[in-house]
Protein backbone atom coordinates (compact mmCIF):
# COMPACT_ATOMS: atom_id res chain seq x y z
CA MET A 1 44.21 -76.09 25.25
CA ALA A 2 43.55 -79.83 25.51
CA ASN A 3 46.35 -82.06 26.78
CA HIS A 4 45.07 -85.59 26.17
CA SER A 5 44.99 -86.95 22.66
CA ALA A 6 41.31 -87.94 23.00
CA THR A 7 40.42 -84.40 24.07
CA LYS A 8 42.35 -82.94 21.14
CA LYS A 9 40.49 -85.25 18.78
CA ASP A 10 37.16 -84.25 20.35
CA ALA A 11 38.03 -80.58 19.82
CA ARG A 12 38.84 -81.26 16.15
CA GLN A 13 35.57 -83.14 15.68
CA ALA A 14 33.58 -80.39 17.39
CA ALA A 15 35.15 -77.77 15.11
CA LYS A 16 34.25 -79.87 12.04
CA ARG A 17 30.66 -80.31 13.22
CA ARG A 18 30.37 -76.60 14.03
CA GLU A 19 31.52 -75.64 10.53
CA ARG A 20 29.15 -78.15 8.93
CA ASN A 21 26.21 -76.97 11.04
CA LYS A 22 27.01 -73.34 10.25
CA TYR A 23 27.14 -74.06 6.52
CA ASN A 24 23.90 -76.07 6.52
CA GLY A 25 22.10 -73.48 8.64
CA LYS A 26 23.19 -70.59 6.43
CA THR A 27 22.31 -72.48 3.25
CA THR A 28 18.84 -73.21 4.60
CA ARG A 29 18.31 -69.59 5.67
CA ASN A 30 19.27 -68.47 2.16
CA ALA A 31 16.88 -71.00 0.63
CA ILE A 32 14.07 -69.71 2.89
CA ARG A 33 14.85 -66.13 1.88
CA ASP A 34 14.84 -67.06 -1.81
CA LEU A 35 11.58 -68.97 -1.40
CA LYS A 36 9.90 -65.98 0.22
CA ALA A 37 11.05 -63.80 -2.68
CA THR A 38 9.52 -66.08 -5.33
CA THR A 39 5.90 -65.95 -6.38
CA GLY A 40 3.38 -68.14 -8.09
CA LYS A 41 3.89 -71.72 -9.21
CA GLU A 42 7.62 -71.57 -8.60
CA MET A 43 7.02 -71.29 -4.86
CA GLY A 44 5.02 -74.53 -4.79
CA GLU A 45 7.81 -76.34 -6.59
CA LYS A 46 10.57 -75.13 -4.27
CA LEU A 47 8.63 -75.59 -1.01
CA PRO A 48 9.22 -79.38 -0.57
CA ASN A 49 12.99 -78.95 -0.97
CA VAL A 50 13.15 -76.16 1.59
CA GLU A 51 10.96 -78.10 4.02
CA SER A 52 13.31 -81.05 3.66
CA MET A 53 16.29 -78.84 4.49
CA ILE A 54 14.49 -77.53 7.58
CA ASP A 55 13.64 -81.08 8.69
CA LYS A 56 17.26 -82.14 8.36
CA LEU A 57 18.41 -79.23 10.53
CA ALA A 58 15.88 -80.18 13.20
CA LYS A 59 16.85 -83.86 13.03
CA ARG A 60 20.52 -83.01 13.53
CA GLY A 61 19.78 -80.64 16.40
CA VAL A 62 20.91 -77.46 14.65
CA ILE A 63 17.49 -75.90 15.23
CA HIS A 64 14.72 -76.91 17.63
CA LYS A 65 11.94 -79.11 16.29
CA ASN A 66 9.29 -76.52 17.21
CA LYS A 67 11.20 -73.81 15.35
CA ALA A 68 11.29 -76.12 12.33
CA ALA A 69 7.54 -76.69 12.59
CA ASN A 70 6.90 -72.93 12.85
CA LEU A 71 9.09 -72.18 9.82
CA LYS A 72 7.40 -74.86 7.72
CA SER A 73 3.95 -73.69 8.79
CA LYS A 74 4.66 -70.07 7.87
CA LEU A 75 6.12 -71.04 4.50
CA ALA A 76 3.17 -73.31 3.71
CA ARG A 77 0.73 -70.58 4.67
CA LYS A 78 2.53 -68.13 2.39
CA ALA A 79 2.63 -70.65 -0.46
CA ASN A 80 -1.10 -71.36 -0.12
CA ALA A 81 -1.90 -67.64 -0.07
CA VAL A 82 0.00 -67.16 -3.34
CA LYS A 83 -1.97 -69.90 -5.12
């Protein structure tokens, strides 16, 4: 366990960030799953919101930028195939 007050604070902050990252990552994964389950026009409407969520995860370092690009590419390909 940390002994210095600054180290204790850093541990608290890291725990907060970890929880936030976990929540945002799980929420985005659920949104991706729901988007894949939808069909037709609805998919085109939801796609920009999901892409935005993916971009935010990449910007914050929760996922790698290339993983974000791959996810967005696959979702766009699927959305275009449905049209």
